[in-house]
Protein backbone atom coordinates (compact mmCIF):
# COMPACT_ATOMS: atom_id res chain seq x y z
CA MET A 1 129.26 86.09 140.98
CA HIS A 2 128.31 89.58 139.60
CA GLU A 3 124.61 90.05 138.63
CA PRO A 4 123.95 91.29 134.93
CA HIS A 5 122.82 94.49 134.01
CA ARG A 6 118.88 94.42 133.52
CA PHE A 7 119.07 97.72 131.12
CA ARG A 8 119.85 98.05 127.55
CA PRO A 9 122.67 99.75 126.38
CA ASP A 10 122.25 103.56 126.18
CA GLY A 11 123.84 103.73 122.54
CA ARG A 12 126.50 101.90 121.01
CA THR A 13 129.41 102.72 118.73
CA ASP A 14 131.24 101.34 115.88
CA GLY A 15 134.38 102.81 116.91
CA PRO A 16 136.07 106.18 116.53
CA GLY A 17 137.75 107.51 113.30
CA ARG A 18 141.22 108.41 112.94
CA PRO A 19 141.54 112.10 112.34
CA ARG A 20 144.67 113.66 113.33
CA PRO A 21 143.96 115.82 116.57
CA PRO A 22 145.92 118.83 117.75
CA SER A 23 148.37 118.70 120.12
CA ARG A 24 147.43 117.93 123.88
CA ARG A 25 148.33 121.30 124.90
CA SER A 26 145.99 122.99 122.48
CA LEU A 27 143.31 120.64 123.15
CA LEU A 28 143.59 121.36 126.98
CA ARG A 29 143.67 124.83 126.39
CA SER A 30 140.74 125.18 124.11
CA ALA A 31 138.65 123.00 126.21
CA ALA A 32 139.59 125.05 129.31
CA ALA A 33 138.65 128.14 127.43
CA GLY A 34 135.12 127.23 127.34
CA VAL A 35 134.46 126.25 131.17
CA LEU A 36 136.71 128.93 133.02
CA ALA A 37 136.99 129.14 136.91
CA SER A 38 133.35 130.07 137.69
CA ALA A 39 132.29 126.68 136.20
CA GLY A 40 131.36 125.21 139.75
CA ILE A 41 129.47 122.04 139.93
CA VAL A 42 128.68 120.59 136.54
CA THR A 43 125.88 117.78 135.27
CA GLY A 44 126.94 114.40 134.39
CA ALA A 45 126.60 112.98 131.08
CA PRO A 46 123.18 112.01 129.72
CA GLY A 47 121.61 109.29 131.88
CA ALA A 48 123.70 109.88 134.98
CA THR A 49 123.09 111.98 137.79
CA ALA A 50 125.18 114.89 139.34
CA ALA A 51 126.27 114.27 142.85
CA THR A 52 128.99 116.93 143.42
CA SER A 53 127.56 119.43 145.89
CA ARG A 54 129.50 118.01 149.04
CA VAL A 55 132.81 117.71 147.06
CA THR A 56 135.73 119.69 147.92
CA GLY A 57 139.29 119.54 146.43
CA SER A 58 142.51 121.19 147.47
CA LYS A 59 146.24 120.67 146.08
CA VAL A 60 148.34 118.92 148.20
CA ARG A 61 151.96 119.59 146.86
CA ASP A 62 153.73 119.54 143.41
CA LEU A 63 155.20 116.19 142.80
CA SER A 64 157.54 117.37 139.74
CA GLY A 65 159.30 120.47 138.64
CA PRO A 66 162.78 121.85 138.11
CA ALA A 67 163.20 122.22 142.08
CA LEU A 68 161.72 118.80 142.82
CA THR A 69 162.93 116.31 139.68
CA GLY A 70 165.48 118.37 138.24
CA ARG A 71 168.18 116.57 139.83
CA PHE A 72 167.01 113.28 137.85
CA ALA A 73 167.17 115.13 134.71
CA ALA A 74 163.12 114.98 134.70
CA PRO A 75 161.96 118.62 135.53
CA TRP A 76 159.55 118.47 132.79
CA THR A 77 157.08 115.67 132.96
CA ASP A 78 153.27 114.66 133.23
CA LEU A 79 151.20 111.61 134.14
CA GLY A 80 152.83 110.15 137.06
CA ILE A 81 150.71 106.94 137.44
CA PRO A 82 151.08 106.11 140.98
CA VAL A 83 151.74 102.40 141.74
CA ARG A 84 152.67 100.56 145.20
CA CYS A 85 155.78 98.68 144.52
CA PRO A 86 156.36 95.22 146.16
CA ASP A 87 159.06 96.94 148.35
CA GLY A 88 156.56 99.38 149.71
CA SER A 89 157.79 102.36 148.00
CA MET A 90 155.62 104.24 145.27
CA LEU A 91 156.60 104.42 141.75
CA PHE A 92 155.18 107.43 139.42
CA VAL A 93 155.26 106.02 135.94
CA CYS A 94 155.42 109.23 133.81
CA GLY A 95 154.90 110.27 130.15
CA ASP A 96 156.77 112.32 128.01
CA THR A 97 159.75 113.84 129.93
CA PHE A 98 162.38 116.52 129.02
CA ASP A 99 165.33 118.12 130.36
CA GLY A 100 166.76 121.53 129.98
CA GLY A 101 164.28 124.43 129.54
CA GLY A 102 160.98 123.24 129.04
CA VAL A 103 158.58 120.97 127.29
CA GLY A 104 160.25 120.08 123.99
CA GLY A 105 163.68 120.44 125.49
CA PRO A 106 166.76 117.72 124.91
CA ASP A 107 166.62 114.17 126.30
CA TRP A 108 163.19 112.94 125.39
CA ARG A 109 162.02 109.91 127.49
CA SER A 110 158.95 108.00 128.09
CA PRO A 111 157.82 106.37 130.20
CA VAL A 112 159.93 107.21 133.06
CA GLY A 113 159.86 106.35 136.64
CA LEU A 114 160.40 108.36 139.62
CA ARG A 115 159.94 107.20 143.14
CA SER A 116 158.88 108.25 146.61
CA SER A 117 160.70 106.02 149.24
CA ASN A 118 157.65 106.82 151.67
CA ALA A 119 154.32 105.44 149.84
CA ALA A 120 151.90 107.18 152.63
CA PRO A 121 149.65 109.05 150.73
CA GLY A 122 150.20 112.16 153.13
CA SER A 123 153.89 111.85 152.63
CA LEU A 124 154.94 111.44 149.13
CA VAL A 125 157.91 113.27 147.85
CA VAL A 126 159.93 112.10 144.80
CA ASP A 127 163.31 111.25 146.13
CA GLY A 128 164.71 108.74 143.49
CA ALA A 129 164.34 107.71 139.92
CA VAL A 130 164.78 104.23 137.87
CA GLY A 131 168.17 104.98 136.65
CA GLY A 132 169.53 106.90 139.25
CA SER A 133 170.63 110.62 138.75
CA ARG A 134 168.95 110.57 135.45
CA ALA A 135 165.41 109.18 135.12
CA VAL A 136 165.87 106.72 132.06
CA GLY A 137 163.20 105.34 129.71
CA LEU A 138 161.81 102.26 131.16
CA VAL A 139 161.49 100.37 127.87
CA PRO A 140 163.12 101.10 124.18
CA GLU A 141 161.39 103.99 122.55
CA GLY A 142 163.43 106.29 120.03
CA HIS A 143 160.67 108.58 119.43
CA THR A 144 161.64 108.17 115.57
CA GLY A 145 159.06 110.10 113.54
CA GLY A 146 157.51 111.74 116.64
CA THR A 147 156.33 108.40 118.03
CA THR A 148 156.20 107.99 122.01
CA ALA A 149 155.16 105.52 124.56
CA ILE A 150 152.29 106.54 126.55
CA PRO A 151 151.50 104.62 129.75
CA SER A 152 147.91 104.07 130.69
CA ASP A 153 148.24 102.19 133.56
CA VAL A 154 150.49 100.28 135.96
CA PHE A 155 149.72 97.96 138.64
CA THR A 156 150.94 95.73 141.17
CA VAL A 157 149.83 92.01 141.75
CA GLY A 158 151.72 89.93 144.59
CA PRO A 159 155.59 90.50 143.57
CA THR A 160 154.89 91.45 139.92
CA MET A 161 154.28 94.79 138.50
CA TYR A 162 152.70 95.11 135.22
CA MET A 163 152.35 98.35 132.71
CA HIS A 164 150.73 99.17 129.84
CA LEU A 165 151.85 101.40 127.11
CA MET A 166 150.07 103.08 123.96
CA ARG A 167 152.56 103.39 121.14
CA GLY A 168 152.73 105.56 118.25
CA VAL A 169 152.33 109.30 117.40
CA ILE A 170 150.40 110.69 120.18
CA HIS A 171 146.59 109.92 119.62
CA GLU A 172 147.52 107.88 116.47
CA THR A 173 147.83 104.56 118.29
CA HIS A 174 149.41 102.05 116.22
CA HIS A 175 149.53 99.46 118.94
CA THR A 176 149.58 99.23 122.58
CA ASP A 177 151.68 96.67 124.60
CA PHE A 178 152.40 95.19 127.74
CA TRP A 179 155.21 94.80 130.30
CA ARG A 180 156.27 93.26 133.71
CA SER A 181 158.56 93.78 136.25
CA ASP A 182 159.87 91.74 139.08
CA ASP A 183 162.30 93.91 140.71
CA ASN A 184 160.07 96.90 141.87
CA GLY A 185 159.88 98.79 138.24
CA GLU A 186 163.71 98.87 138.13
CA THR A 187 163.74 96.81 134.57
CA TRP A 188 160.80 95.49 132.23
CA GLN A 189 160.10 92.44 130.13
CA TYR A 190 157.71 92.55 127.32
CA LEU A 191 154.93 90.33 127.50
CA CYS A 192 152.70 91.00 124.47
CA GLN A 193 150.57 93.54 122.42
CA TRP A 194 147.16 94.45 120.85
CA PRO A 195 146.39 96.17 117.35
CA GLY A 196 145.55 99.74 117.77
CA GLY A 197 142.12 99.05 116.04
CA LEU A 198 140.93 96.25 118.02
CA HIS A 199 137.40 96.76 118.95
CA GLY A 200 136.97 99.81 116.85
CA GLY A 201 140.20 101.52 118.37
CA GLN A 202 138.36 101.24 121.84
CA PHE A 203 140.99 98.79 123.60
CA GLN A 204 143.76 101.42 123.34
CA GLN A 205 143.78 102.96 126.57
CA LYS A 206 143.27 100.45 129.25
CA THR A 207 143.14 100.63 133.31
CA TYR A 208 143.10 97.47 135.62
CA ALA A 209 141.38 97.08 138.81
CA VAL A 210 143.18 94.29 140.73
CA ALA A 211 139.86 92.53 142.68
CA ASP A 212 139.69 90.16 145.50
CA ASP A 213 138.19 87.33 143.28
CA GLY A 214 141.22 86.34 141.49
CA TYR A 215 140.40 88.73 138.61
CA LEU A 216 141.67 91.84 136.65
CA TYR A 217 138.79 94.04 135.46
CA VAL A 218 139.84 95.96 132.51
CA LEU A 219 137.99 99.33 131.43
CA SER A 220 139.16 100.81 128.00
CA THR A 221 138.58 103.64 125.40
CA ALA A 222 140.32 104.98 122.30
CA PHE A 223 143.09 107.00 123.05
CA ASP A 224 142.23 110.33 121.17
CA ARG A 225 140.34 113.05 122.96
CA ASP A 226 139.10 114.31 119.52
CA VAL A 227 136.83 111.21 119.10
CA THR A 228 133.82 109.81 120.56
CA SER A 229 134.61 106.37 122.31
CA GLY A 230 132.84 103.95 124.11
CA LEU A 231 133.76 102.32 127.54
CA LEU A 232 134.42 98.76 127.32
CA LEU A 233 134.92 96.02 129.92
CA HIS A 234 136.76 93.14 130.07
CA ARG A 235 138.10 90.58 132.82
CA VAL A 236 140.88 88.59 132.93
CA ARG A 237 142.76 86.22 135.53
CA GLN A 238 145.40 87.74 137.77
CA ASP A 239 147.72 85.07 136.36
CA ALA A 240 147.28 85.65 132.79
CA PRO A 241 147.12 89.25 131.99
CA GLY A 242 149.77 88.71 129.34
CA ASP A 243 147.76 86.35 127.44
CA PRO A 244 145.44 88.44 124.95
CA ALA A 245 143.16 85.42 124.36
CA ALA A 246 142.55 85.32 128.10
CA TYR A 247 140.79 88.81 128.08
CA GLU A 248 136.91 88.01 128.58
CA PRO A 249 134.49 91.15 127.11
CA TRP A 250 131.34 91.96 128.79
CA GLY A 251 128.45 92.88 126.52
CA TYR A 252 124.93 92.74 125.69
CA ALA A 253 123.35 90.53 123.51
CA GLY A 254 120.37 88.63 123.02
CA GLY A 255 118.42 91.13 125.47
CA ALA A 256 120.54 90.39 128.36
CA TRP A 257 124.46 91.31 129.37
CA ALA A 258 126.70 88.35 130.02
CA TRP A 259 130.60 87.72 129.94
CA GLY A 260 131.66 86.28 126.95
CA ASN A 261 129.16 88.71 124.61
CA PRO A 262 131.05 90.91 122.31
CA PRO A 263 131.92 93.95 124.10
CA THR A 264 129.26 96.58 124.33
CA THR A 265 130.03 100.12 125.97
CA VAL A 266 129.14 100.28 129.64
CA THR A 267 128.19 103.91 129.91
CA SER A 268 127.33 106.94 127.40
CA PRO A 269 129.84 107.17 124.57
CA ARG A 270 132.01 110.72 124.73
CA ARG A 271 135.59 111.87 124.48
CA TRP A 272 137.62 110.64 127.00
CA GLY A 273 140.89 111.70 128.49
CA GLU A 274 142.85 109.29 130.97
CA ILE A 275 140.89 106.80 133.00
CA CYS A 276 141.83 104.96 136.29
CA LEU A 277 139.72 101.99 137.76
CA ARG A 278 140.46 100.98 141.24
CA ALA A 279 139.14 98.51 143.93
CA LEU A 280 138.73 100.85 146.58
CA GLY A 281 136.41 100.64 149.81
CA GLY A 282 134.67 97.49 149.08
CA GLY A 283 133.51 98.40 145.77
CA TYR A 284 135.12 100.22 142.72
CA THR A 285 136.04 103.88 141.89
CA LEU A 286 136.73 105.16 138.25
CA THR A 287 138.34 108.45 137.83
CA TRP A 288 138.70 110.22 134.29
CA LEU A 289 139.35 113.36 132.56
CA ASN A 290 136.06 114.26 130.97
CA MET A 291 136.51 116.30 127.99
CA ASN A 292 133.20 118.12 127.30
CA PRO A 293 133.26 120.18 129.74
CA LEU A 294 136.77 119.74 131.02
CA ASP A 295 136.99 118.26 134.46
CA ILE A 296 137.94 115.28 136.41
CA ARG A 297 135.06 113.31 137.54
CA ALA A 298 134.58 110.17 139.45
CA GLN A 299 132.00 107.24 139.59
CA ILE A 300 132.11 105.03 142.51
CA PHE A 301 129.91 101.44 142.37
CA ALA A 302 129.51 98.38 143.86
CA THR A 303 130.77 95.66 141.43
CA PRO A 304 132.73 95.76 138.10
CA THR A 305 129.06 95.07 136.26
CA SER A 306 127.06 98.15 138.15
CA ASN A 307 124.88 100.10 135.78
CA LEU A 308 127.42 102.88 134.81
CA PHE A 309 124.69 104.49 132.72
CA THR A 310 122.83 105.65 136.15
CA THR A 311 125.91 106.03 138.64
CA ALA A 312 126.47 109.28 139.71
CA GLU A 313 129.20 111.30 138.03
CA GLN A 314 131.02 113.44 140.69
CA THR A 315 133.17 116.39 139.85
CA MET A 316 136.42 116.45 141.60
CA ILE A 317 138.53 118.99 139.42
CA VAL A 318 137.09 121.97 137.89
CA PRO A 319 139.42 123.96 135.24
CA THR A 320 140.14 127.44 135.59
CA VAL A 321 142.76 129.90 134.11
CA PRO A 322 146.43 130.45 135.32
CA GLY A 323 146.54 132.54 138.48
CA ARG A 324 142.83 131.79 139.44
CA GLU A 325 143.74 128.20 141.04
CA THR A 326 142.22 127.89 144.22
CA GLY A 327 140.58 124.69 145.87
CA SER A 328 139.64 122.16 143.28
CA ALA A 329 140.16 124.72 140.33
CA VAL A 330 143.27 123.90 138.07
CA ALA A 331 144.33 125.31 135.21
CA SER A 332 144.49 122.89 131.97
CA PRO A 333 143.82 119.75 134.15
CA TYR A 334 144.41 116.28 132.93
CA GLY A 335 145.13 112.72 134.76
CA GLY A 336 143.51 112.20 137.81
CA PHE A 337 145.16 108.66 138.88
CA ILE A 338 144.25 107.28 142.24
CA VAL A 339 147.13 107.18 144.61
CA PRO A 340 147.27 103.65 146.53
CA GLY A 341 146.46 103.64 150.12
CA SER A 342 143.85 106.61 149.87
CA GLY A 343 140.31 105.83 150.25
CA VAL A 344 136.79 107.15 149.07
CA ASP A 345 136.12 109.16 152.18
CA ASP A 346 139.66 110.83 151.67
CA LEU A 347 140.84 110.35 148.15
CA HIS A 348 144.04 111.40 146.92
CA ILE A 349 144.74 111.89 143.06
CA VAL A 350 147.58 112.59 141.01
CA VAL A 351 146.83 115.40 138.51
CA SER A 352 148.69 116.67 135.77
CA GLN A 353 149.04 120.52 134.01
CA TRP A 354 150.30 121.54 131.05
CA TYR A 355 149.76 124.94 129.56
CA ASP A 356 152.98 126.32 128.38
CA ALA A 357 156.70 125.08 128.11
CA GLN A 358 157.40 125.80 131.82
CA ASN A 359 153.88 124.82 133.28
CA TYR A 360 153.96 121.02 132.72
CA ARG A 361 153.68 118.98 135.65
CA VAL A 362 152.50 116.29 138.32
CA MET A 363 150.65 117.39 141.10
CA GLN A 364 148.71 115.65 144.13
CA TYR A 365 145.14 116.65 145.17
CA ARG A 366 143.02 115.58 147.97
CA VAL A 367 139.42 115.05 147.48
CA ASN A 368 136.73 114.91 150.11
CA GLY A 369 133.01 114.36 150.17
CA LEU A 370 132.37 111.86 147.49
CA ASP A 371 129.46 109.36 147.94
CA GLY A 372 130.27 106.11 148.46
CA PRO A 373 128.96 102.78 146.37
CA VAL A 374 125.40 101.64 146.55
CA HIS A 375 125.44 97.93 147.59
């Protein structure tokens, strides 16, 4: 059992509005312009303590690009959420993917699956794709009217893999849906969906931690970088993630936090980019793209119901401009998904980049010096 929080929530939100935002590219570029390479160490959100002075980061390799994934008709792709498959390989589930000369080229697919037969964090190389010589769309998505299917998380429970997708015109989520695979990500079967407006829109972007107590712990936000969203927590039994009625919220009501209360934001509301929650090193690690200022951060904590209002926010990736990238400074970064098999003391993350039509890729970074959870 997890002890409930003993604090009052620091501000709730009734949910974001639905203004149409600029493109992902323009959002990333405008955010990066405000905090360039000299950003260094940044402070956390209100109520959080910055603890980044020992954190260092370095690029390990590019995982995608014309010379690396062009042979799978996927030279231009992003996200690359890494998941260890039951057969021991690593699958990178990518978002909007194009062939041809750059972003917006022919053969638009999303999501697609690229594979590394070696799953060791230090030896990841894309050497295969779902679909063979042409990375195929993992689920039906015709992109009619500009719609797409953006993955927010992929994870494995025993012999089964699960994938959560956000559907609609990007940042105008109509609904989200959930899929399973029993053949290492080669084929996917539909399970269920949730309306985009559920919980004020704050149940659109989901990430799942597979715990050792039989539960999946699910954090969620709005999928729109132009609006402020809370961060909601649910849990669901590992044998029932495809049953929307089985998701149990964590919330503050009647002077106490408890499972079954209406969901309440578990940290300060903000504009969220990608989020990733994993059970790691005897605790939990949350990584996310922070939009103001633009950086990729981590929080490391003991239990799913730890107080995130006061948990230190540790900056792993800082923004810079093209040509000045070094160490943990990345031009137009996003993503930040945890690589299975890495640990708090040697964390590998998958970072995306997009600042023009030929600079749109998936990369691997290594982060050291993070402070572990306080038990």
